Every structure is written in C-alpha cells, then in structure tokens.
Amino acid sequence: MAMARTPGSFRLAHRARTLELYADPLGHRHRRVRRILASIQQDIDEGCTAFVRQILCEPRELYRLELERPELAYQRITILDRDTLTTLLEQTSEEALRERFRFRT
C-alpha cells in the first residue's frame, strides 16, 4: 500500500540538472547560449526574416534581433551581445545572410 504524501512535498524531477547548474554555472551558460542560437538558426532556416539593430554601445555592445514571419503572424525578439551575434552570423550561410538579414542603424 502506498503511503500518502504530505501536502507541499514534490519529487524533484530535475534535481540532477539543478545540481549541475551550481557545480558548473559557466558550462550551463554556454549550453543555454548554444540552445538559443540553434533555435534562432532553425527559425532562419524555416524562412524567418531577421532584423538586427544595435541598441547599446557602452558598457557592452548589445543588439536586438527580431525574427519575423508574417504569413504565420510570428515574431520573436532576442537581445544578443556582440560575441553571440558574431557566432550566429558565422554559423549562417552567406545565402541566408543576403536573403533574410536586414541590418538597421
């Protein structure tokens, strides 16, 4: 016979992930950035138009990336630093850069 749980007691399904975050916060950050870039890259490959605009110069360069797909009424906005934007641009094909990226001033 199963024991009744007390109210407010939950199993921690992601306990290992939580402990990993505390053990290696820098590694967690890099994995998160890779997942975000992969998601953006997938959106671009599926036909999104990307608008890039610099929004902050100092103390750190930040860029606003807007992904838009009007036929699906889809819009996504992500803020990226210079290094992350550079990584995204390096991973994107030249054809996609010419066809789908618009740089605003």
Protein backbone atom coordinates (compact mmCIF):
# COMPACT_ATOMS: atom_id res chain seq x y z
CA MET A 1 0.00 0.00 0.00
CA ALA A 2 1.39 3.40 -0.99
CA MET A 3 1.96 6.00 1.67
CA ALA A 4 0.09 9.25 1.36
CA ARG A 5 2.26 12.25 0.67
CA THR A 6 2.06 15.30 2.80
CA PRO A 7 0.75 18.43 1.06
CA GLY A 8 3.51 20.53 -0.47
CA SER A 9 6.01 17.70 -0.89
CA PHE A 10 7.04 17.19 -4.51
CA ARG A 11 9.55 14.99 -6.20
CA LEU A 12 12.30 16.97 -7.81
CA ALA A 13 12.37 15.67 -11.35
CA HIS A 14 15.28 17.89 -12.37
CA ARG A 15 17.42 17.56 -9.27
CA ALA A 16 20.47 16.45 -11.26
CA ARG A 17 20.13 19.43 -13.61
CA THR A 18 19.81 21.81 -10.66
CA LEU A 19 22.94 20.42 -9.02
CA GLU A 20 24.78 20.63 -12.33
CA LEU A 21 23.90 24.33 -12.56
CA TYR A 22 25.53 25.03 -9.22
CA ALA A 23 28.53 22.84 -9.98
CA ASP A 24 29.31 24.43 -13.36
CA PRO A 25 27.47 27.74 -13.93
CA LEU A 26 29.73 28.76 -16.83
CA GLY A 27 29.12 25.47 -18.64
CA HIS A 28 25.38 25.89 -18.06
CA ARG A 29 25.53 29.37 -19.59
CA HIS A 30 27.36 28.10 -22.69
CA ARG A 31 24.88 25.26 -23.22
CA ARG A 32 21.98 27.70 -22.86
CA VAL A 33 23.51 30.10 -25.43
CA ARG A 34 24.05 27.17 -27.84
CA ARG A 35 20.39 26.13 -27.47
CA ILE A 36 19.20 29.70 -28.12
CA LEU A 37 21.43 30.05 -31.19
CA ALA A 38 20.27 26.67 -32.52
CA SER A 39 16.64 27.77 -32.12
CA ILE A 40 17.29 31.07 -33.91
CA GLN A 41 19.16 29.23 -36.67
CA GLN A 42 16.23 26.85 -37.11
CA ASP A 43 13.82 29.81 -37.41
CA ILE A 44 16.06 31.39 -40.06
CA ASP A 45 16.29 28.11 -41.99
CA GLU A 46 12.48 27.90 -41.94
CA GLY A 47 12.19 31.26 -43.67
CA CYS A 48 12.15 33.97 -41.00
CA THR A 49 13.42 37.43 -41.85
CA ALA A 50 15.91 38.76 -39.30
CA PHE A 51 16.25 42.45 -38.45
CA VAL A 52 19.39 43.38 -36.49
CA ARG A 53 19.86 46.72 -34.74
CA GLN A 54 22.46 47.90 -32.23
CA ILE A 55 20.71 49.16 -29.10
CA LEU A 56 23.61 49.80 -26.71
CA CYS A 57 27.27 50.75 -27.19
CA GLU A 58 28.63 51.02 -23.69
CA PRO A 59 29.48 49.44 -21.32
CA ARG A 60 28.75 46.47 -23.59
CA GLU A 61 27.54 46.26 -27.17
CA LEU A 62 24.05 44.79 -27.33
CA TYR A 63 21.99 44.01 -30.41
CA ARG A 64 18.27 43.47 -30.86
CA LEU A 65 17.46 40.58 -33.18
CA GLU A 66 13.88 40.48 -34.46
CA LEU A 67 12.75 37.35 -36.27
CA GLU A 68 9.61 37.81 -38.30
CA ARG A 69 7.38 35.52 -40.30
CA PRO A 70 4.29 37.48 -41.40
CA GLU A 71 2.50 34.54 -43.02
CA LEU A 72 2.38 32.80 -39.63
CA ALA A 73 1.97 36.02 -37.59
CA TYR A 74 5.20 35.04 -35.81
CA GLN A 75 7.60 37.48 -34.22
CA ARG A 76 10.45 36.82 -31.82
CA ILE A 77 12.81 39.34 -30.25
CA THR A 78 16.12 38.36 -28.69
CA ILE A 79 18.87 40.55 -27.23
CA LEU A 80 22.38 39.37 -28.07
CA ASP A 81 25.84 40.63 -27.18
CA ARG A 82 28.45 41.20 -29.88
CA ASP A 83 30.21 37.83 -29.45
CA THR A 84 26.96 35.85 -29.62
CA LEU A 85 25.76 37.77 -32.69
CA THR A 86 29.12 37.16 -34.37
CA THR A 87 28.80 33.44 -33.64
CA LEU A 88 25.29 33.40 -35.14
CA LEU A 89 26.45 35.22 -38.28
CA GLU A 90 29.38 32.81 -38.70
CA GLN A 91 27.03 29.81 -38.47
CA THR A 92 24.60 31.24 -41.02
CA SER A 93 25.15 30.60 -44.72
CA GLU A 94 26.02 33.53 -46.97
CA GLU A 95 22.85 32.96 -48.97
CA ALA A 96 20.68 33.25 -45.86
CA LEU A 97 22.60 36.35 -44.76
CA ARG A 98 21.91 38.04 -48.10
CA GLU A 99 18.28 36.97 -48.36
CA ARG A 100 16.99 37.08 -44.79
CA PHE A 101 19.07 39.50 -42.73
CA ARG A 102 18.40 43.24 -42.63
CA PHE A 103 20.74 45.45 -40.63
CA ARG A 104 19.27 48.65 -39.25
CA THR A 105 21.12 51.64 -37.90
